[in-house]
């Protein structure tokens, strides 16, 4: 799994879940950098969420790959970012202050440290006047359907490139490898996380690798 490159909403510190925005010049380079680090891996499949930021990141990664045959990336909606509902596109610092102030917290990381990713999703849903922000139950239902799709459609031993999103990647890592601290440290734009999926569970091989001196 690779987090998409930086977007303009990332740059402006605005919430970006189901909303979308283009990659910045840095974001394009984030994608190419990830591609160079993964250039030696023979991918059998390439997938991305249904956002343009993930689709374009996937395309730039594959442009750098010298080990794979010509791949036609496919869309897998299940691994899109969580929905922030009414709060989509709003200033992130302001939103987390609104949600956390009554508990004595002013930042997303403070809220996560005290409530965790799941409870924070439910907290946002309750604060959403339209209740469109995903609950933790809704969120994990679609993620689990996505994992079932991979199990049922990808042969054993195949390598899959999957371009996804910050909270989606960190939520998966937090669930299956909480010792890695993904609940308090999100992946950087273009960072790589390796999962091994079998019939029963998900194993996290590594998380948030984004430098040249680590394993890929």
N, C-alpha and C. Protein backbone atom coordinates (compact mmCIF):
# COMPACT_ATOMS: atom_id res chain seq x y z
N UNK A 1 0.84 -1.19 0.00
CA UNK A 1 0.00 0.00 0.00
C UNK A 1 0.88 1.24 0.00
N UNK A 2 0.51 2.20 -0.85
CA UNK A 2 1.23 3.47 -0.91
C UNK A 2 0.23 4.59 -0.69
N UNK A 3 0.60 5.55 0.16
CA UNK A 3 -0.24 6.73 0.30
C UNK A 3 -0.01 7.63 -0.91
N UNK A 4 -1.09 8.18 -1.43
CA UNK A 4 -1.00 9.08 -2.58
C UNK A 4 -0.07 10.26 -2.28
N UNK A 5 0.39 10.93 -3.33
CA UNK A 5 1.23 12.10 -3.18
C UNK A 5 0.45 13.29 -2.62
N UNK A 6 1.19 14.29 -2.19
CA UNK A 6 0.57 15.48 -1.61
C UNK A 6 -0.41 16.13 -2.60
N UNK A 7 -1.56 16.55 -2.08
CA UNK A 7 -2.54 17.28 -2.88
C UNK A 7 -2.62 18.72 -2.39
N UNK A 8 -3.38 19.53 -3.13
CA UNK A 8 -3.54 20.91 -2.71
C UNK A 8 -4.31 21.02 -1.40
N UNK A 9 -5.29 20.15 -1.17
CA UNK A 9 -5.99 20.18 0.12
C UNK A 9 -5.07 19.73 1.25
N UNK A 10 -4.16 18.78 0.99
CA UNK A 10 -3.13 18.45 1.98
C UNK A 10 -2.30 19.68 2.29
N UNK A 11 -1.83 20.35 1.24
CA UNK A 11 -0.98 21.52 1.41
C UNK A 11 -1.66 22.61 2.22
N UNK A 12 -2.98 22.78 2.01
CA UNK A 12 -3.72 23.83 2.71
C UNK A 12 -4.27 23.36 4.06
N UNK A 13 -3.92 22.13 4.48
CA UNK A 13 -4.35 21.57 5.76
C UNK A 13 -5.87 21.52 5.88
N UNK A 14 -6.50 21.02 4.81
CA UNK A 14 -7.95 20.86 4.82
C UNK A 14 -8.31 19.38 4.77
N UNK A 15 -9.43 19.05 5.42
CA UNK A 15 -9.84 17.65 5.47
C UNK A 15 -10.19 17.16 4.06
N UNK A 16 -9.68 15.99 3.74
CA UNK A 16 -9.86 15.44 2.40
C UNK A 16 -10.08 13.94 2.53
N UNK A 17 -11.34 13.57 2.55
CA UNK A 17 -11.69 12.17 2.63
C UNK A 17 -12.24 11.71 1.29
N UNK A 18 -13.58 11.85 1.14
CA UNK A 18 -14.20 11.53 -0.15
C UNK A 18 -14.07 12.71 -1.11
N UNK A 19 -13.80 13.90 -0.60
CA UNK A 19 -13.47 15.03 -1.47
C UNK A 19 -12.13 14.74 -2.14
N UNK A 20 -11.85 15.46 -3.23
CA UNK A 20 -10.63 15.19 -3.99
C UNK A 20 -10.01 16.50 -4.43
N UNK A 21 -8.72 16.48 -4.68
CA UNK A 21 -8.02 17.63 -5.25
C UNK A 21 -6.78 17.13 -5.98
N UNK A 22 -6.24 17.93 -6.89
CA UNK A 22 -5.10 17.47 -7.69
C UNK A 22 -3.83 17.35 -6.87
N UNK A 23 -2.89 16.57 -7.40
CA UNK A 23 -1.57 16.49 -6.81
C UNK A 23 -0.83 17.81 -7.02
N UNK A 24 -0.09 18.24 -6.02
CA UNK A 24 0.81 19.38 -6.18
C UNK A 24 2.07 18.92 -6.91
N UNK A 25 2.93 19.86 -7.34
CA UNK A 25 4.22 19.42 -7.89
C UNK A 25 4.98 18.52 -6.93
N UNK A 26 4.94 18.84 -5.62
CA UNK A 26 5.57 17.95 -4.64
C UNK A 26 4.88 16.58 -4.64
N UNK A 27 3.56 16.58 -4.79
CA UNK A 27 2.83 15.32 -4.79
C UNK A 27 3.18 14.44 -5.97
N UNK A 28 3.40 15.06 -7.12
CA UNK A 28 3.85 14.29 -8.29
C UNK A 28 5.21 13.67 -8.01
N UNK A 29 6.09 14.44 -7.38
CA UNK A 29 7.41 13.91 -7.03
C UNK A 29 7.31 12.84 -5.95
N UNK A 30 6.39 13.01 -4.99
CA UNK A 30 6.15 11.95 -3.99
C UNK A 30 5.87 10.62 -4.69
N UNK A 31 5.03 10.69 -5.71
CA UNK A 31 4.64 9.47 -6.43
C UNK A 31 5.82 8.88 -7.20
N UNK A 32 6.56 9.73 -7.88
CA UNK A 32 7.71 9.23 -8.63
C UNK A 32 8.78 8.66 -7.69
N UNK A 33 8.96 9.31 -6.53
CA UNK A 33 9.93 8.80 -5.55
C UNK A 33 9.53 7.42 -5.06
N UNK A 34 8.25 7.25 -4.76
CA UNK A 34 7.77 5.92 -4.35
C UNK A 34 7.99 4.93 -5.47
N UNK A 35 7.73 5.35 -6.71
CA UNK A 35 7.93 4.46 -7.85
C UNK A 35 9.37 4.02 -8.01
N UNK A 36 10.31 4.95 -7.79
CA UNK A 36 11.73 4.58 -7.91
C UNK A 36 12.12 3.59 -6.82
N UNK A 37 11.57 3.76 -5.63
CA UNK A 37 11.89 2.83 -4.53
C UNK A 37 11.28 1.45 -4.75
N UNK A 38 10.20 1.41 -5.52
CA UNK A 38 9.53 0.14 -5.79
C UNK A 38 9.81 -0.38 -7.20
N UNK A 39 10.75 0.26 -7.89
CA UNK A 39 10.95 -0.03 -9.31
C UNK A 39 11.41 -1.46 -9.56
N UNK A 40 12.01 -2.11 -8.56
CA UNK A 40 12.54 -3.46 -8.74
C UNK A 40 11.52 -4.55 -8.43
N UNK A 41 10.33 -4.18 -7.98
CA UNK A 41 9.33 -5.17 -7.58
C UNK A 41 8.42 -5.50 -8.76
N UNK A 42 8.27 -6.78 -9.02
CA UNK A 42 7.38 -7.24 -10.08
C UNK A 42 5.96 -7.32 -9.54
N UNK A 43 5.17 -6.32 -9.87
CA UNK A 43 3.77 -6.32 -9.45
C UNK A 43 2.93 -7.08 -10.46
N UNK A 44 2.07 -7.95 -9.93
CA UNK A 44 1.16 -8.70 -10.78
C UNK A 44 -0.14 -7.93 -11.02
N UNK A 45 -0.48 -7.06 -10.08
CA UNK A 45 -1.68 -6.24 -10.18
C UNK A 45 -1.38 -4.85 -9.66
N UNK A 46 -2.08 -3.86 -10.19
CA UNK A 46 -2.01 -2.49 -9.67
C UNK A 46 -3.44 -2.01 -9.47
N UNK A 47 -3.68 -1.44 -8.28
CA UNK A 47 -5.02 -0.96 -7.94
C UNK A 47 -4.91 0.39 -7.24
N UNK A 48 -6.00 1.13 -7.27
CA UNK A 48 -6.06 2.41 -6.58
C UNK A 48 -7.50 2.68 -6.19
N UNK A 49 -7.68 3.55 -5.20
CA UNK A 49 -9.03 3.95 -4.83
C UNK A 49 -9.65 4.76 -5.97
N UNK A 50 -10.90 5.18 -5.80
CA UNK A 50 -11.61 5.86 -6.88
C UNK A 50 -11.43 7.38 -6.84
N UNK A 51 -10.31 7.85 -6.31
CA UNK A 51 -10.01 9.28 -6.33
C UNK A 51 -8.93 9.55 -7.38
N UNK A 52 -8.95 10.74 -7.95
CA UNK A 52 -7.93 11.06 -8.96
C UNK A 52 -6.55 11.13 -8.34
N UNK A 53 -6.46 11.53 -7.07
CA UNK A 53 -5.14 11.61 -6.44
C UNK A 53 -4.50 10.23 -6.32
N UNK A 54 -5.30 9.22 -6.04
CA UNK A 54 -4.77 7.85 -5.96
C UNK A 54 -4.49 7.29 -7.35
N UNK A 55 -5.39 7.56 -8.29
CA UNK A 55 -5.21 7.07 -9.65
C UNK A 55 -3.93 7.62 -10.28
N UNK A 56 -3.71 8.94 -10.14
CA UNK A 56 -2.53 9.54 -10.74
C UNK A 56 -1.26 9.11 -10.03
N UNK A 57 -1.32 8.96 -8.72
CA UNK A 57 -0.15 8.45 -7.99
C UNK A 57 0.21 7.06 -8.48
N UNK A 58 -0.78 6.21 -8.66
CA UNK A 58 -0.54 4.85 -9.16
C UNK A 58 0.12 4.89 -10.53
N UNK A 59 -0.36 5.76 -11.39
CA UNK A 59 0.20 5.87 -12.75
C UNK A 59 1.66 6.31 -12.71
N UNK A 60 1.98 7.31 -11.86
CA UNK A 60 3.36 7.77 -11.77
C UNK A 60 4.28 6.71 -11.18
N UNK A 61 3.78 5.94 -10.21
CA UNK A 61 4.58 4.85 -9.64
C UNK A 61 4.93 3.83 -10.73
N UNK A 62 3.94 3.47 -11.53
CA UNK A 62 4.18 2.46 -12.56
C UNK A 62 5.10 2.97 -13.66
N UNK A 63 5.11 4.28 -13.90
CA UNK A 63 6.04 4.84 -14.89
C UNK A 63 7.49 4.58 -14.51
N UNK A 64 7.76 4.45 -13.21
CA UNK A 64 9.13 4.22 -12.73
C UNK A 64 9.48 2.74 -12.63
N UNK A 65 8.49 1.87 -12.78
CA UNK A 65 8.72 0.45 -12.54
C UNK A 65 9.33 -0.23 -13.76
N UNK A 66 10.43 -0.95 -13.52
CA UNK A 66 11.12 -1.65 -14.62
C UNK A 66 10.96 -3.17 -14.52
N UNK A 67 10.29 -3.64 -13.48
CA UNK A 67 10.21 -5.08 -13.22
C UNK A 67 8.87 -5.69 -13.59
N UNK A 68 7.85 -4.87 -13.78
CA UNK A 68 6.51 -5.39 -14.05
C UNK A 68 6.19 -5.34 -15.54
N UNK A 69 5.33 -6.24 -15.97
CA UNK A 69 4.78 -6.16 -17.32
C UNK A 69 3.82 -4.99 -17.39
N UNK A 70 3.41 -4.62 -18.59
CA UNK A 70 2.48 -3.50 -18.73
C UNK A 70 1.19 -3.79 -17.96
N UNK A 71 0.96 -3.00 -16.92
CA UNK A 71 -0.21 -3.21 -16.07
C UNK A 71 -1.28 -2.19 -16.37
N UNK A 72 -2.51 -2.64 -16.34
CA UNK A 72 -3.65 -1.74 -16.47
C UNK A 72 -4.28 -1.61 -15.09
N UNK A 73 -4.01 -0.51 -14.38
CA UNK A 73 -4.52 -0.38 -13.00
C UNK A 73 -6.04 -0.42 -12.96
N UNK A 74 -6.56 -0.99 -11.88
CA UNK A 74 -8.01 -1.07 -11.69
C UNK A 74 -8.40 -0.32 -10.43
N UNK A 75 -9.64 0.10 -10.40
CA UNK A 75 -10.17 0.87 -9.28
C UNK A 75 -10.77 -0.06 -8.24
N UNK A 76 -10.46 0.20 -6.97
CA UNK A 76 -11.09 -0.55 -5.88
C UNK A 76 -11.57 0.46 -4.84
N UNK A 77 -12.85 0.74 -4.90
CA UNK A 77 -13.46 1.82 -4.12
C UNK A 77 -13.36 1.58 -2.61
N UNK A 78 -13.28 0.33 -2.21
CA UNK A 78 -13.31 0.00 -0.77
C UNK A 78 -12.17 0.64 0.00
N UNK A 79 -11.06 0.90 -0.66
CA UNK A 79 -9.89 1.43 0.05
C UNK A 79 -9.73 2.94 -0.15
N UNK A 80 -10.86 3.64 -0.39
CA UNK A 80 -10.82 5.10 -0.37
C UNK A 80 -10.65 5.58 1.08
N UNK A 81 -10.45 6.88 1.22
CA UNK A 81 -10.30 7.45 2.56
C UNK A 81 -11.64 7.43 3.29
N UNK A 82 -11.61 7.58 4.62
CA UNK A 82 -12.85 7.67 5.36
C UNK A 82 -13.58 8.95 4.97
N UNK A 83 -14.90 8.93 5.08
CA UNK A 83 -15.69 10.11 4.79
C UNK A 83 -15.77 11.01 6.02
N UNK A 84 -15.48 12.31 5.80
CA UNK A 84 -15.62 13.30 6.86
C UNK A 84 -16.96 14.02 6.79
N UNK A 85 -17.83 13.59 5.87
CA UNK A 85 -19.18 14.14 5.79
C UNK A 85 -19.21 15.65 5.65
N UNK A 86 -19.98 16.29 6.49
CA UNK A 86 -20.15 17.75 6.47
C UNK A 86 -18.83 18.49 6.57
N UNK A 87 -17.83 17.87 7.19
CA UNK A 87 -16.57 18.56 7.45
C UNK A 87 -15.57 18.46 6.30
N UNK A 88 -15.95 17.79 5.20
CA UNK A 88 -15.05 17.68 4.04
C UNK A 88 -14.63 19.07 3.56
N UNK A 89 -13.35 19.23 3.34
CA UNK A 89 -12.82 20.47 2.79
C UNK A 89 -12.61 21.58 3.79
N UNK A 90 -13.04 21.38 5.03
CA UNK A 90 -12.86 22.41 6.05
C UNK A 90 -11.44 22.44 6.58
N UNK A 91 -11.06 23.55 7.16
CA UNK A 91 -9.74 23.67 7.79
C UNK A 91 -9.60 22.61 8.88
N UNK A 92 -8.58 21.78 8.76
CA UNK A 92 -8.45 20.63 9.66
C UNK A 92 -8.25 21.05 11.10
N UNK A 93 -7.43 22.04 11.34
CA UNK A 93 -7.18 22.48 12.72
C UNK A 93 -8.46 22.96 13.39
N UNK A 94 -9.28 23.69 12.63
CA UNK A 94 -10.54 24.18 13.18
C UNK A 94 -11.49 23.04 13.51
N UNK A 95 -11.58 22.06 12.61
CA UNK A 95 -12.49 20.94 12.83
C UNK A 95 -12.09 20.16 14.08
N UNK A 96 -10.79 19.87 14.22
CA UNK A 96 -10.38 19.07 15.38
C UNK A 96 -10.53 19.85 16.67
N UNK A 97 -10.42 21.18 16.62
CA UNK A 97 -10.69 21.99 17.80
C UNK A 97 -12.17 21.91 18.17
N UNK A 98 -13.04 21.99 17.17
CA UNK A 98 -14.48 21.89 17.42
C UNK A 98 -14.82 20.55 18.05
N UNK A 99 -14.23 19.47 17.51
CA UNK A 99 -14.55 18.14 18.03
C UNK A 99 -13.91 17.86 19.39
N UNK A 100 -12.69 18.39 19.59
CA UNK A 100 -11.96 18.01 20.79
C UNK A 100 -12.05 18.96 21.96
N UNK A 101 -12.50 20.20 21.73
CA UNK A 101 -12.41 21.23 22.77
C UNK A 101 -13.16 20.85 24.04
N UNK A 102 -14.34 20.26 23.89
CA UNK A 102 -15.12 19.94 25.09
C UNK A 102 -14.48 18.83 25.91
N UNK A 103 -13.52 18.13 25.29
CA UNK A 103 -12.78 17.10 26.02
C UNK A 103 -11.40 17.61 26.47
N UNK A 104 -11.10 18.86 26.13
CA UNK A 104 -9.83 19.44 26.53
C UNK A 104 -8.71 19.25 25.52
N UNK A 105 -9.06 18.87 24.28
CA UNK A 105 -8.04 18.62 23.26
C UNK A 105 -8.25 19.55 22.07
N UNK A 106 -7.15 19.90 21.40
CA UNK A 106 -7.23 20.86 20.30
C UNK A 106 -6.64 20.34 18.99
N UNK A 107 -6.08 19.15 18.99
CA UNK A 107 -5.47 18.64 17.77
C UNK A 107 -5.94 17.20 17.52
N UNK A 108 -5.80 16.80 16.24
CA UNK A 108 -6.18 15.44 15.87
C UNK A 108 -5.36 14.42 16.64
N UNK A 109 -4.06 14.66 16.76
CA UNK A 109 -3.21 13.69 17.47
C UNK A 109 -3.59 13.57 18.93
N UNK A 110 -3.95 14.68 19.58
CA UNK A 110 -4.39 14.60 20.97
C UNK A 110 -5.66 13.78 21.09
N UNK A 111 -6.59 13.98 20.16
CA UNK A 111 -7.84 13.22 20.19
C UNK A 111 -7.55 11.74 19.97
N UNK A 112 -6.68 11.43 18.99
CA UNK A 112 -6.35 10.03 18.72
C UNK A 112 -5.68 9.37 19.91
N UNK A 113 -4.76 10.08 20.56
CA UNK A 113 -4.04 9.51 21.70
C UNK A 113 -4.99 9.15 22.83
N UNK A 114 -6.10 9.87 22.94
CA UNK A 114 -7.02 9.66 24.07
C UNK A 114 -8.25 8.83 23.71
N UNK A 115 -8.63 8.81 22.43
CA UNK A 115 -9.85 8.10 22.04
C UNK A 115 -9.60 6.98 21.04
N UNK A 116 -8.54 7.09 20.23
CA UNK A 116 -8.28 6.09 19.21
C UNK A 116 -9.00 6.42 17.91
N UNK A 117 -8.61 5.75 16.85
CA UNK A 117 -9.15 6.03 15.52
C UNK A 117 -10.64 5.72 15.40
N UNK A 118 -11.07 4.60 15.96
CA UNK A 118 -12.47 4.21 15.84
C UNK A 118 -13.41 5.15 16.54
N UNK A 119 -13.13 5.46 17.79
CA UNK A 119 -13.98 6.37 18.55
C UNK A 119 -13.99 7.77 17.94
N UNK A 120 -12.87 8.16 17.34
CA UNK A 120 -12.81 9.47 16.70
C UNK A 120 -13.72 9.52 15.48
N UNK A 121 -13.82 8.42 14.74
CA UNK A 121 -14.77 8.37 13.62
C UNK A 121 -16.20 8.56 14.13
N UNK A 122 -16.55 7.84 15.19
CA UNK A 122 -17.91 7.97 15.74
C UNK A 122 -18.16 9.36 16.29
N UNK A 123 -17.14 9.97 16.88
CA UNK A 123 -17.26 11.32 17.41
C UNK A 123 -17.57 12.31 16.28
N UNK A 124 -16.91 12.14 15.14
CA UNK A 124 -17.16 13.03 14.01
C UNK A 124 -18.55 12.81 13.45
N UNK A 125 -18.99 11.58 13.36
CA UNK A 125 -20.34 11.30 12.88
C UNK A 125 -21.39 11.97 13.76
N UNK A 126 -21.19 11.90 15.08
CA UNK A 126 -22.14 12.52 16.00
C UNK A 126 -22.16 14.04 15.87
N UNK A 127 -21.00 14.63 15.55
CA UNK A 127 -20.91 16.09 15.43
C UNK A 127 -21.41 16.57 14.07
N UNK A 128 -21.47 15.69 13.08
CA UNK A 128 -21.90 16.04 11.74
C UNK A 128 -23.42 16.30 11.75
N UNK A 129 -23.87 17.51 11.40
CA UNK A 129 -25.31 17.79 11.44
C UNK A 129 -26.13 16.94 10.48
N UNK A 130 -25.46 16.35 9.47
CA UNK A 130 -26.16 15.48 8.52
C UNK A 130 -25.87 14.00 8.78
N UNK A 131 -25.00 13.72 9.74
CA UNK A 131 -24.59 12.35 10.05
C UNK A 131 -24.05 11.62 8.82
N UNK A 132 -23.39 12.35 7.92
CA UNK A 132 -22.82 11.74 6.73
C UNK A 132 -21.40 11.23 6.95
N UNK A 133 -20.70 11.74 7.95
CA UNK A 133 -19.36 11.22 8.25
C UNK A 133 -19.47 9.75 8.62
N UNK A 134 -18.56 8.94 8.12
CA UNK A 134 -18.63 7.50 8.35
C UNK A 134 -18.48 7.14 9.83
N UNK A 135 -19.31 6.24 10.31
CA UNK A 135 -19.09 5.65 11.62
C UNK A 135 -17.98 4.61 11.52
N UNK A 136 -17.47 4.19 12.66
CA UNK A 136 -16.43 3.17 12.64
C UNK A 136 -16.97 1.87 12.05
N UNK A 137 -18.22 1.54 12.36
CA UNK A 137 -18.82 0.31 11.83
C UNK A 137 -18.96 0.38 10.31
N UNK A 138 -19.44 1.50 9.80
CA UNK A 138 -19.57 1.67 8.35
C UNK A 138 -18.22 1.59 7.66
N UNK A 139 -17.25 2.25 8.28
CA UNK A 139 -15.91 2.28 7.71
C UNK A 139 -15.32 0.88 7.58
N UNK A 140 -15.36 0.11 8.67
CA UNK A 140 -14.73 -1.21 8.64
C UNK A 140 -15.51 -2.21 7.79
N UNK A 141 -16.81 -1.98 7.63
CA UNK A 141 -17.57 -2.87 6.75
C UNK A 141 -17.02 -2.80 5.33
N UNK A 142 -16.81 -1.58 4.81
CA UNK A 142 -16.33 -1.50 3.43
C UNK A 142 -14.86 -1.92 3.31
N UNK A 143 -14.04 -1.65 4.33
CA UNK A 143 -12.66 -2.11 4.27
C UNK A 143 -12.61 -3.64 4.27
N UNK A 144 -13.38 -4.27 5.12
CA UNK A 144 -13.39 -5.73 5.19
C UNK A 144 -13.91 -6.35 3.89
N UNK A 145 -14.89 -5.71 3.27
CA UNK A 145 -15.35 -6.18 1.95
C UNK A 145 -14.21 -6.08 0.95
N UNK A 146 -13.40 -5.03 1.05
CA UNK A 146 -12.25 -4.89 0.17
C UNK A 146 -11.24 -6.00 0.36
N UNK A 147 -10.94 -6.34 1.61
CA UNK A 147 -10.02 -7.45 1.87
C UNK A 147 -10.58 -8.76 1.34
N UNK A 148 -11.88 -8.97 1.51
CA UNK A 148 -12.49 -10.19 0.98
C UNK A 148 -12.38 -10.25 -0.54
N UNK A 149 -12.53 -9.09 -1.19
CA UNK A 149 -12.38 -9.05 -2.64
C UNK A 149 -10.97 -9.48 -3.04
N UNK A 150 -9.96 -8.96 -2.35
CA UNK A 150 -8.58 -9.34 -2.67
C UNK A 150 -8.36 -10.83 -2.46
N UNK A 151 -8.88 -11.35 -1.36
CA UNK A 151 -8.71 -12.79 -1.08
C UNK A 151 -9.36 -13.65 -2.16
N UNK A 152 -10.49 -13.19 -2.66
CA UNK A 152 -11.26 -14.00 -3.61
C UNK A 152 -10.82 -13.83 -5.06
N UNK A 153 -10.08 -12.76 -5.36
CA UNK A 153 -9.77 -12.47 -6.76
C UNK A 153 -8.27 -12.45 -7.08
N UNK A 154 -7.43 -12.50 -6.07
CA UNK A 154 -5.98 -12.48 -6.30
C UNK A 154 -5.40 -13.84 -5.91
N UNK A 155 -4.66 -14.44 -6.82
CA UNK A 155 -4.07 -15.75 -6.54
C UNK A 155 -3.00 -15.65 -5.46
N UNK A 156 -2.80 -16.75 -4.75
CA UNK A 156 -1.78 -16.79 -3.70
C UNK A 156 -0.41 -16.46 -4.28
N UNK A 157 0.36 -15.69 -3.52
CA UNK A 157 1.73 -15.39 -3.90
C UNK A 157 1.90 -14.23 -4.86
N UNK A 158 0.81 -13.56 -5.24
CA UNK A 158 0.91 -12.46 -6.18
C UNK A 158 1.18 -11.13 -5.45
N UNK A 159 1.88 -10.25 -6.13
CA UNK A 159 2.18 -8.92 -5.59
C UNK A 159 1.19 -7.90 -6.13
N UNK A 160 0.63 -7.10 -5.22
CA UNK A 160 -0.36 -6.09 -5.60
C UNK A 160 0.13 -4.72 -5.16
N UNK A 161 0.16 -3.78 -6.09
CA UNK A 161 0.36 -2.38 -5.73
C UNK A 161 -1.01 -1.77 -5.50
N UNK A 162 -1.22 -1.19 -4.31
CA UNK A 162 -2.52 -0.60 -3.98
C UNK A 162 -2.28 0.81 -3.44
N UNK A 163 -2.73 1.82 -4.18
CA UNK A 163 -2.56 3.21 -3.75
C UNK A 163 -3.81 3.64 -3.00
N UNK A 164 -3.60 4.10 -1.77
CA UNK A 164 -4.72 4.41 -0.89
C UNK A 164 -4.44 5.73 -0.16
N UNK A 165 -4.87 5.81 1.09
CA UNK A 165 -4.95 7.09 1.78
C UNK A 165 -4.45 6.99 3.23
N UNK A 166 -4.16 8.15 3.81
CA UNK A 166 -3.49 8.20 5.11
C UNK A 166 -4.25 7.47 6.21
N UNK A 167 -5.49 7.89 6.48
CA UNK A 167 -6.22 7.30 7.60
C UNK A 167 -6.58 5.85 7.31
N UNK A 168 -6.84 5.53 6.05
CA UNK A 168 -7.13 4.14 5.70
C UNK A 168 -5.92 3.25 5.99
N UNK A 169 -4.75 3.68 5.57
CA UNK A 169 -3.55 2.88 5.82
C UNK A 169 -3.26 2.79 7.32
N UNK A 170 -3.32 3.92 8.01
CA UNK A 170 -2.97 3.88 9.43
C UNK A 170 -4.01 3.12 10.25
N UNK A 171 -5.28 3.14 9.82
CA UNK A 171 -6.30 2.36 10.53
C UNK A 171 -6.06 0.87 10.38
N UNK A 172 -5.69 0.44 9.17
CA UNK A 172 -5.39 -0.97 8.94
C UNK A 172 -4.19 -1.39 9.78
N UNK A 173 -3.14 -0.58 9.77
CA UNK A 173 -1.94 -0.93 10.55
C UNK A 173 -2.25 -0.92 12.04
N UNK A 174 -3.04 0.04 12.50
CA UNK A 174 -3.39 0.11 13.92
C UNK A 174 -4.18 -1.12 14.35
N UNK A 175 -5.03 -1.63 13.48
CA UNK A 175 -5.84 -2.81 13.83
C UNK A 175 -4.99 -4.07 13.88
N UNK A 176 -4.08 -4.24 12.91
CA UNK A 176 -3.36 -5.51 12.79
C UNK A 176 -1.94 -5.48 13.36
N UNK A 177 -1.41 -4.29 13.61
CA UNK A 177 -0.08 -4.18 14.23
C UNK A 177 -0.03 -2.92 15.09
N UNK A 178 -0.80 -2.88 16.17
CA UNK A 178 -0.89 -1.66 16.99
C UNK A 178 0.44 -1.23 17.59
N UNK A 179 1.37 -2.17 17.71
CA UNK A 179 2.67 -1.85 18.29
C UNK A 179 3.47 -0.88 17.42
N UNK A 180 3.08 -0.71 16.16
CA UNK A 180 3.80 0.19 15.26
C UNK A 180 3.42 1.65 15.45
N UNK A 181 2.40 1.92 16.26
CA UNK A 181 2.06 3.29 16.61
C UNK A 181 1.39 4.10 15.53
N UNK A 182 0.68 3.44 14.60
CA UNK A 182 0.03 4.17 13.52
C UNK A 182 -1.10 5.06 14.02
N UNK A 183 -1.62 4.79 15.22
CA UNK A 183 -2.69 5.63 15.75
C UNK A 183 -2.21 7.04 16.04
N UNK A 184 -0.91 7.22 16.27
CA UNK A 184 -0.39 8.56 16.57
C UNK A 184 0.57 9.06 15.51
N UNK A 185 0.91 8.25 14.51
CA UNK A 185 1.82 8.67 13.45
C UNK A 185 1.30 8.18 12.11
N UNK A 186 0.80 9.11 11.31
CA UNK A 186 0.28 8.75 10.00
C UNK A 186 1.39 8.60 8.97
N UNK A 187 1.12 7.90 7.86
CA UNK A 187 2.13 7.73 6.82
C UNK A 187 2.33 9.01 6.03
N UNK A 188 3.55 9.24 5.61
CA UNK A 188 3.85 10.39 4.77
C UNK A 188 3.31 10.20 3.37
N UNK A 189 3.11 11.29 2.66
CA UNK A 189 2.71 11.18 1.26
C UNK A 189 3.76 10.41 0.49
N UNK A 190 3.34 9.37 -0.23
CA UNK A 190 4.26 8.53 -0.99
C UNK A 190 4.91 7.42 -0.18
N UNK A 191 4.59 7.33 1.12
CA UNK A 191 5.19 6.28 1.95
C UNK A 191 4.60 4.91 1.60
N UNK A 192 5.41 3.88 1.83
CA UNK A 192 5.04 2.51 1.47
C UNK A 192 4.81 1.69 2.74
N UNK A 193 3.74 0.92 2.73
CA UNK A 193 3.41 -0.03 3.81
C UNK A 193 3.17 -1.38 3.16
N UNK A 194 3.79 -2.42 3.69
CA UNK A 194 3.64 -3.75 3.10
C UNK A 194 2.77 -4.64 3.97
N UNK A 195 1.75 -5.21 3.37
CA UNK A 195 0.86 -6.15 4.04
C UNK A 195 0.97 -7.52 3.39
N UNK A 196 0.82 -8.54 4.20
CA UNK A 196 0.68 -9.91 3.69
C UNK A 196 -0.70 -10.38 4.11
N UNK A 197 -1.54 -10.69 3.11
CA UNK A 197 -2.93 -11.05 3.37
C UNK A 197 -3.10 -12.54 3.13
N UNK A 198 -3.65 -13.22 4.13
CA UNK A 198 -3.98 -14.63 3.93
C UNK A 198 -5.48 -14.83 4.19
N UNK A 199 -5.91 -16.07 4.30
CA UNK A 199 -7.34 -16.34 4.42
C UNK A 199 -7.95 -15.83 5.72
N UNK A 200 -7.12 -15.67 6.75
CA UNK A 200 -7.66 -15.37 8.07
C UNK A 200 -7.32 -13.98 8.60
N UNK A 201 -6.21 -13.42 8.18
CA UNK A 201 -5.79 -12.18 8.82
C UNK A 201 -4.93 -11.36 7.87
N UNK A 202 -4.43 -10.26 8.40
CA UNK A 202 -3.54 -9.37 7.67
C UNK A 202 -2.30 -9.17 8.52
N UNK A 203 -1.14 -9.42 7.95
CA UNK A 203 0.12 -9.21 8.64
C UNK A 203 0.79 -7.97 8.07
N UNK A 204 1.27 -7.10 8.97
CA UNK A 204 1.97 -5.89 8.53
C UNK A 204 3.46 -6.18 8.53
N UNK A 205 4.04 -6.21 7.34
CA UNK A 205 5.47 -6.48 7.20
C UNK A 205 6.29 -5.26 7.58
N UNK A 206 5.86 -4.08 7.14
CA UNK A 206 6.47 -2.82 7.56
C UNK A 206 5.49 -1.69 7.28
N UNK A 207 5.77 -0.53 7.89
CA UNK A 207 4.84 0.62 7.82
C UNK A 207 5.61 1.91 7.58
N UNK A 208 5.09 2.74 6.68
CA UNK A 208 5.54 4.12 6.51
C UNK A 208 7.00 4.22 6.09
N UNK A 209 7.43 3.39 5.18
CA UNK A 209 8.80 3.48 4.67
C UNK A 209 8.84 4.52 3.54
N UNK A 210 9.76 5.46 3.66
CA UNK A 210 9.80 6.55 2.68
C UNK A 210 11.21 7.05 2.41
N UNK A 211 12.24 6.33 2.86
CA UNK A 211 13.62 6.71 2.60
C UNK A 211 14.32 5.59 1.85
N UNK A 212 15.51 5.88 1.33
CA UNK A 212 16.22 4.92 0.50
C UNK A 212 16.95 3.85 1.32
N UNK A 213 17.08 4.04 2.61
CA UNK A 213 17.91 3.16 3.42
C UNK A 213 17.11 2.09 4.16
N UNK A 214 15.86 1.85 3.75
CA UNK A 214 15.04 0.84 4.40
C UNK A 214 14.59 -0.19 3.37
N UNK A 215 13.97 -1.25 3.87
CA UNK A 215 13.53 -2.36 3.02
C UNK A 215 12.28 -2.00 2.24
N UNK A 216 12.21 -2.53 1.01
CA UNK A 216 11.00 -2.41 0.20
C UNK A 216 10.70 -3.75 -0.45
